[in-house]
Protein backbone atom coordinates (compact mmCIF):
# COMPACT_ATOMS: atom_id res chain seq x y z
CA UNK A 1 -25.32 25.67 13.87
CA UNK A 2 -27.62 27.29 11.32
CA UNK A 3 -29.50 25.87 8.37
CA UNK A 4 -27.75 26.17 5.03
CA UNK A 5 -24.48 24.72 6.35
CA UNK A 6 -23.30 21.86 4.13
CA UNK A 7 -19.80 21.22 5.48
CA UNK A 8 -18.34 21.41 8.98
CA UNK A 9 -14.78 22.51 8.36
CA UNK A 10 -11.65 21.17 10.01
CA UNK A 11 -10.92 22.38 13.58
CA UNK A 12 -14.32 24.14 13.79
CA UNK A 13 -14.89 23.07 17.40
CA UNK A 14 -11.39 22.03 18.37
CA UNK A 15 -10.82 22.15 22.12
CA UNK A 16 -14.35 23.25 23.05
CA UNK A 17 -14.12 21.27 26.26
CA UNK A 18 -17.33 22.78 27.69
CA UNK A 19 -19.48 21.85 24.70
CA UNK A 20 -22.04 19.29 25.91
CA UNK A 21 -24.35 18.97 22.89
CA UNK A 22 -24.71 20.08 19.32
CA UNK A 23 -27.33 19.63 16.60
CA UNK A 24 -25.97 19.03 13.13
CA UNK A 25 -28.42 20.37 10.50
CA UNK A 26 -29.95 18.08 7.90
CA UNK A 27 -28.16 19.82 5.02
CA UNK A 28 -24.65 18.87 6.16
CA UNK A 29 -22.91 16.36 3.90
CA UNK A 30 -19.37 16.27 5.34
CA UNK A 31 -17.70 16.47 8.74
CA UNK A 32 -14.09 17.28 8.02
CA UNK A 33 -10.86 16.28 9.79
CA UNK A 34 -10.29 17.27 13.42
CA UNK A 35 -13.67 18.99 13.68
CA UNK A 36 -14.58 18.11 17.28
CA UNK A 37 -11.16 17.13 18.61
CA UNK A 38 -10.93 17.44 22.38
CA UNK A 39 -14.62 18.16 23.03
CA UNK A 40 -14.38 16.13 26.20
CA UNK A 41 -17.79 17.16 27.61
CA UNK A 42 -19.74 16.20 24.50
CA UNK A 43 -21.91 13.23 25.53
CA UNK A 44 -23.92 12.40 22.42
CA UNK A 45 -23.99 13.17 18.75
CA UNK A 46 -26.45 12.43 15.95
CA UNK A 47 -25.00 12.44 12.46
CA UNK A 48 -28.01 13.05 10.22
CA UNK A 49 -28.94 11.33 7.00
CA UNK A 50 -27.24 13.22 4.20
CA UNK A 51 -23.77 13.16 5.76
CA UNK A 52 -21.55 10.90 3.66
CA UNK A 53 -18.12 11.63 5.11
CA UNK A 54 -16.74 11.56 8.68
CA UNK A 55 -13.19 12.86 8.50
CA UNK A 56 -9.95 11.75 10.10
CA UNK A 57 -9.79 12.37 13.85
CA UNK A 58 -13.12 14.21 13.66
CA UNK A 59 -14.15 13.12 17.19
CA UNK A 60 -10.65 12.47 18.49
CA UNK A 61 -10.50 12.36 22.29
CA UNK A 62 -14.17 13.13 22.86
CA UNK A 63 -13.77 11.16 26.06
CA UNK A 64 -17.27 11.88 27.42
CA UNK A 65 -19.07 10.65 24.31
CA UNK A 66 -21.42 7.80 25.25
CA UNK A 67 -23.77 7.73 22.27
CA UNK A 68 -23.25 8.16 18.53
CA UNK A 69 -26.00 7.74 15.96
CA UNK A 70 -24.63 7.52 12.45
CA UNK A 71 -27.00 8.36 9.61
CA UNK A 72 -27.72 5.95 6.80
CA UNK A 73 -25.86 7.98 4.15
CA UNK A 74 -22.39 7.79 5.70
CA UNK A 75 -19.96 5.95 3.45
CA UNK A 76 -16.59 6.90 4.90
CA UNK A 77 -15.36 6.82 8.52
CA UNK A 78 -11.87 8.27 8.60
CA UNK A 79 -8.66 7.30 10.36
CA UNK A 80 -8.82 7.77 14.15
CA UNK A 81 -12.31 9.24 13.78
CA UNK A 82 -13.36 8.15 17.29
CA UNK A 83 -9.91 7.71 18.85
CA UNK A 84 -10.06 7.50 22.66
CA UNK A 85 -13.83 7.89 22.94
CA UNK A 86 -13.49 5.58 25.91
CA UNK A 87 -17.02 6.20 27.24
CA UNK A 88 -18.66 5.06 24.00
CA UNK A 89 -20.67 1.98 24.92
CA UNK A 90 -22.19 1.02 21.57
CA UNK A 91 -22.00 1.90 17.92
CA UNK A 92 -24.24 0.92 15.02
CA UNK A 93 -22.42 1.07 11.71
CA UNK A 94 -25.07 1.49 9.00
CA UNK A 95 -25.19 -0.57 5.86
CA UNK A 96 -24.12 2.45 3.80
CA UNK A 97 -20.55 2.48 5.17
CA UNK A 98 -17.88 1.12 2.82
CA UNK A 99 -14.70 2.39 4.50
CA UNK A 100 -13.57 2.24 8.16
CA UNK A 101 -10.20 3.90 8.56
CA UNK A 102 -7.08 2.93 10.49
CA UNK A 103 -7.49 3.24 14.26
CA UNK A 104 -11.04 4.51 13.70
CA UNK A 105 -12.29 3.29 17.10
CA UNK A 106 -8.99 2.74 18.87
CA UNK A 107 -9.16 2.86 22.67
CA UNK A 108 -12.95 2.89 22.82
CA UNK A 109 -12.55 0.87 26.00
CA UNK A 110 -16.24 0.68 26.95
CA UNK A 111 -17.29 -0.74 23.59
CA UNK A 112 -18.49 -4.34 24.09
CA UNK A 113 -19.71 -5.41 20.66
CA UNK A 114 -19.45 -4.44 17.02
CA UNK A 115 -21.14 -5.62 13.84
CA UNK A 116 -19.63 -4.99 10.42
CA UNK A 117 -22.33 -4.59 7.77
CA UNK A 118 -22.19 -6.28 4.39
CA UNK A 119 -21.47 -2.94 2.68
CA UNK A 120 -17.97 -2.54 4.21
CA UNK A 121 -15.15 -3.25 1.77
CA UNK A 122 -12.18 -1.70 3.62
CA UNK A 123 -11.16 -1.79 7.28
CA UNK A 124 -7.86 -0.14 8.20
CA UNK A 125 -5.28 -1.64 10.53
CA UNK A 126 -6.04 -1.28 14.21
CA UNK A 127 -9.57 -0.03 13.60
CA UNK A 128 -10.71 -1.53 16.92
CA UNK A 129 -7.38 -1.78 18.74
CA UNK A 130 -7.48 -1.07 22.45
CA UNK A 131 -11.20 -1.84 22.74
CA UNK A 132 -10.29 -3.88 25.80
CA UNK A 133 -13.87 -4.79 26.75
CA UNK A 134 -14.85 -5.90 23.26
CA UNK A 135 -16.48 -9.31 23.66
CA UNK A 136 -18.32 -9.80 20.38
CA UNK A 137 -17.33 -9.14 16.77
CA UNK A 138 -19.52 -10.19 13.85
CA UNK A 139 -19.52 -9.59 10.12
CA UNK A 140 -22.93 -9.69 8.51
CA UNK A 141 -23.57 -12.44 6.01
CA UNK A 142 -23.32 -11.23 2.45
CA UNK A 143 -20.14 -9.21 2.97
CA UNK A 144 -17.88 -10.09 0.02
CA UNK A 145 -14.60 -9.01 1.63
CA UNK A 146 -14.79 -10.01 5.29
CA UNK A 147 -16.39 -12.77 7.34
CA UNK A 148 -16.71 -14.14 10.88
CA UNK A 149 -16.69 -17.82 9.97
CA UNK A 150 -17.44 -20.44 12.60
CA UNK A 151 -18.73 -17.74 14.98
CA UNK A 152 -15.11 -16.93 15.73
CA UNK A 153 -15.66 -13.43 17.20
CA UNK A 154 -13.19 -11.94 14.74
CA UNK A 155 -12.96 -10.21 11.39
CA UNK A 156 -11.32 -12.33 8.70
CA UNK A 157 -10.32 -11.24 5.23
CA UNK A 158 -12.10 -13.83 3.17
CA UNK A 159 -9.81 -13.95 0.12
CA UNK A 160 -6.56 -14.28 2.09
CA UNK A 161 -7.80 -16.13 5.18
CA UNK A 162 -6.08 -13.48 7.28
CA UNK A 163 -7.44 -12.70 10.73
CA UNK A 164 -7.76 -8.91 10.62
CA UNK A 165 -9.25 -8.06 14.03
CA UNK A 166 -9.76 -10.12 17.16
CA UNK A 167 -11.03 -9.64 20.70
CA UNK A 168 -10.93 -11.30 24.11
CA UNK A 169 -13.30 -14.10 23.01
CA UNK A 170 -11.79 -14.86 19.61
CA UNK A 171 -11.32 -18.51 18.66
CA UNK A 172 -9.07 -18.66 15.62
CA UNK A 173 -10.57 -20.97 12.99
CA UNK A 174 -8.50 -23.79 11.52
CA UNK A 175 -8.86 -22.22 8.06
CA UNK A 176 -6.98 -19.04 8.98
CA UNK A 177 -3.46 -18.85 7.53
CA UNK A 178 -2.18 -15.51 8.85
CA UNK A 179 -2.68 -13.22 11.84
CA UNK A 180 -2.72 -9.66 10.51
CA UNK A 181 -0.81 -6.62 11.72
CA UNK A 182 -2.19 -5.20 14.99
CA UNK A 183 -4.95 -7.84 15.05
CA UNK A 184 -5.04 -7.94 18.88
CA UNK A 185 -3.14 -4.72 19.64
CA UNK A 186 -3.85 -3.43 23.19
CA UNK A 187 -6.30 -6.28 23.87
CA UNK A 188 -5.81 -6.13 27.64
CA UNK A 189 -8.57 -8.65 28.39
CA UNK A 190 -6.95 -11.42 26.34
CA UNK A 191 -5.43 -13.99 28.70
CA UNK A 192 -4.65 -16.91 26.41
CA UNK A 193 -4.69 -17.68 22.71
CA UNK A 194 -4.35 -20.85 20.65
CA UNK A 195 -3.02 -20.42 17.13
CA UNK A 196 -3.90 -23.45 14.99
CA UNK A 197 -1.55 -25.41 12.76
CA UNK A 198 -2.73 -23.76 9.54
CA UNK A 199 -1.41 -20.34 10.57
CA UNK A 200 2.01 -19.67 9.07
CA UNK A 201 2.70 -16.07 10.12
CA UNK A 202 1.90 -13.50 12.79
CA UNK A 203 2.01 -9.87 11.67
CA UNK A 204 3.67 -6.84 13.18
CA UNK A 205 2.23 -5.64 16.51
CA UNK A 206 -0.34 -8.48 16.34
CA UNK A 207 -0.40 -9.06 20.12
CA UNK A 208 1.54 -5.99 21.19
CA UNK A 209 0.61 -4.57 24.59
CA UNK A 210 -1.71 -7.45 25.50
CA UNK A 211 -0.70 -6.83 29.08
CA UNK A 212 -2.64 -9.73 30.65
CA UNK A 213 -1.74 -12.38 28.08
CA UNK A 214 -0.30 -15.33 30.00
CA UNK A 215 -0.34 -18.32 27.66
CA UNK A 216 0.23 -18.71 23.91
CA UNK A 217 -0.02 -21.93 21.92
CA UNK A 218 1.59 -21.82 18.48
CA UNK A 219 0.76 -24.56 15.98
CA UNK A 220 3.17 -26.66 13.96
CA UNK A 221 2.78 -24.63 10.74
CA UNK A 222 4.21 -21.36 12.08
CA UNK A 223 7.16 -19.95 10.12
CA UNK A 224 7.46 -16.30 11.18
CA UNK A 225 6.51 -13.80 13.89
CA UNK A 226 6.59 -10.13 12.89
CA UNK A 227 8.32 -7.21 14.54
CA UNK A 228 6.87 -6.21 17.92
CA UNK A 229 4.33 -9.06 17.62
CA UNK A 230 4.38 -9.63 21.40
CA UNK A 231 5.88 -6.34 22.55
CA UNK A 232 5.00 -5.40 26.11
CA UNK A 233 3.27 -8.69 26.96
CA UNK A 234 4.69 -8.46 30.47
CA UNK A 235 2.42 -11.12 32.00
CA UNK A 236 3.47 -13.84 29.57
CA UNK A 237 4.24 -17.04 31.47
CA UNK A 238 4.41 -19.79 28.87
CA UNK A 239 4.56 -20.46 25.15
CA UNK A 240 3.80 -23.86 23.63
CA UNK A 241 5.34 -23.91 20.17
CA UNK A 242 4.83 -27.05 18.08
CA UNK A 243 6.85 -25.87 15.06
CA UNK A 244 9.72 -28.30 14.45
CA UNK A 245 11.91 -25.51 13.08
CA UNK A 246 12.07 -22.32 15.16
CA UNK A 247 9.91 -19.66 13.48
CA UNK A 248 11.69 -16.56 12.22
CA UNK A 249 11.64 -13.73 14.75
CA UNK A 250 13.42 -10.40 15.09
CA UNK A 251 15.18 -9.01 18.12
CA UNK A 252 12.15 -6.82 18.89
CA UNK A 253 9.41 -9.43 18.47
CA UNK A 254 9.33 -9.96 22.25
CA UNK A 255 10.51 -6.49 23.25
CA UNK A 256 9.82 -5.69 26.93
CA UNK A 257 9.26 -9.37 27.73
CA UNK A 258 11.57 -11.05 30.27
CA UNK A 259 12.26 -14.08 28.09
CA UNK A 260 14.26 -15.95 30.72
CA UNK A 261 11.18 -16.01 32.96
CA UNK A 262 8.89 -17.41 30.23
CA UNK A 263 8.63 -21.18 29.80
CA UNK A 264 8.94 -22.23 26.16
CA UNK A 265 7.71 -25.75 25.46
CA UNK A 266 8.97 -27.19 22.15
CA UNK A 267 9.03 -30.64 20.48
CA UNK A 268 11.73 -32.76 22.10
CA UNK A 269 13.53 -33.36 18.80
CA UNK A 270 13.77 -29.59 18.28
CA UNK A 271 15.05 -28.68 21.73
CA UNK A 272 18.59 -28.07 20.54
CA UNK A 273 17.48 -25.94 17.56
CA UNK A 274 15.57 -23.61 19.86
CA UNK A 275 18.34 -23.42 22.46
CA UNK A 276 20.87 -22.45 19.78
CA UNK A 277 18.62 -19.79 18.28
CA UNK A 278 19.71 -16.22 19.16
CA UNK A 279 16.18 -15.15 20.19
CA UNK A 280 14.31 -18.32 21.14
CA UNK A 281 17.35 -19.42 23.10
CA UNK A 282 16.74 -16.61 25.60
CA UNK A 283 13.61 -18.37 26.88
CA UNK A 284 13.40 -21.08 29.54
CA UNK A 285 13.17 -23.99 27.09
CA UNK A 286 11.48 -27.27 28.03
CA UNK A 287 10.34 -30.25 26.04
CA UNK A 288 6.64 -30.32 25.25
CA UNK A 289 4.99 -32.33 28.03
CA UNK A 290 5.75 -31.93 31.72
CA UNK A 291 4.07 -35.00 33.13
CA UNK A 292 1.92 -38.03 32.43
CA UNK A 293 -1.74 -38.12 33.40
CA UNK A 294 -4.01 -41.12 33.00
CA UNK A 295 -7.28 -39.91 31.54
CA UNK A 296 -9.07 -43.15 30.75
CA UNK A 297 -11.13 -43.55 27.59
CA UNK A 298 -10.81 -41.35 24.51
CA UNK A 299 -14.24 -39.87 25.10
CA UNK A 300 -12.88 -37.89 28.02
CA UNK A 301 -10.65 -35.85 25.72
CA UNK A 302 -12.00 -32.49 24.59
CA UNK A 303 -12.02 -32.99 20.84
CA UNK A 304 -11.80 -29.25 20.20
CA UNK A 305 -8.32 -29.20 21.66
CA UNK A 306 -5.32 -29.82 19.44
CA UNK A 307 -3.57 -33.13 20.11
CA UNK A 308 -0.08 -34.19 18.98
CA UNK A 309 2.07 -37.31 19.09
CA UNK A 310 5.45 -37.31 20.79
CA UNK A 311 7.13 -36.29 17.52
CA UNK A 312 5.14 -33.08 17.47
CA UNK A 313 2.84 -34.15 14.63
CA UNK A 314 -0.79 -33.16 14.94
CA UNK A 315 -3.33 -35.98 15.34
CA UNK A 316 -6.85 -35.84 13.93
CA UNK A 317 -8.06 -37.79 16.98
CA UNK A 318 -6.51 -39.25 20.14
CA UNK A 319 -4.56 -42.46 19.75
CA UNK A 320 -3.92 -45.16 22.29
CA UNK A 321 -0.72 -44.61 24.18
CA UNK A 322 1.03 -41.32 24.83
CA UNK A 323 -0.40 -38.13 23.34
CA UNK A 324 0.38 -34.46 23.91
CA UNK A 325 -2.58 -32.29 24.91
CA UNK A 326 -2.29 -28.69 26.14
CA UNK A 327 1.44 -29.09 26.61
CA UNK A 328 1.14 -32.21 28.77
CA UNK A 329 1.78 -35.84 27.97
CA UNK A 330 -1.38 -37.84 28.57
CA UNK A 331 -1.92 -41.57 28.45
CA UNK A 332 -4.90 -42.75 26.37
CA UNK A 333 -6.03 -46.22 27.37
């Protein structure tokens, strides 16, 4: 690519499956949509300083790409820009970037960590969906739109307290009120999740296709689960739902889940409500608590775990007598 080039036009290298490397000249300012789509042999790319725009699907399905260096002038990363770059092991997003598009890094399955700089003001839905090996997510301090409070390994919209993006190691903070659309979409490494009492809604596709998700705990404040929220969660074994009134769900919220084979633990006083519900009633419904264990003094209880009384009300600390912890009735002496 010769000097004097300022823009790499759409489809310029589309389908060049034998292309292994390319040098982008310093004068380039924009990489347009679909530029390198399907360049499956391309292993590394350096986007020089001066480039401000990476277009939609610009590196779509560059499956051999292991290294990307993004220059410090890039402001915009488009929708699906690095879709299915499943060999990409790391990415450094410079502090110049303000916009990360929808599905920008979807299915980058080898990506293990990501840091969102303080400059970013917009992250599209599903930007990191399908990054099944993603273990660490952090937002730099000083970002005015997003945060990773309490070292939660997630991206949270600060103003709305909505969890935008999670990963296998996410611990949802008590201050979160909503789980956003596609927050954990295609998170195959997620095996269990606890949703605290302050969360009132789960968005569309939030946990869709989490194929190894086995256990879900839903806090007492939940009021609604969006369409396809748990679609394709075929390994789901049990749900502990502490909401007294069955949360609103649609007929496709649990699409492709064998509800009759999933244990649903609910507060005893709400058993009938859940059984009579057209969707929740399809599950194998049991009262919260399946046995009594003596656990001695209160100090043996993990204080980070949510504890309830037999009425399904959350307790700030264990009380003497019967308590509910992790779906089991325990006796505190």
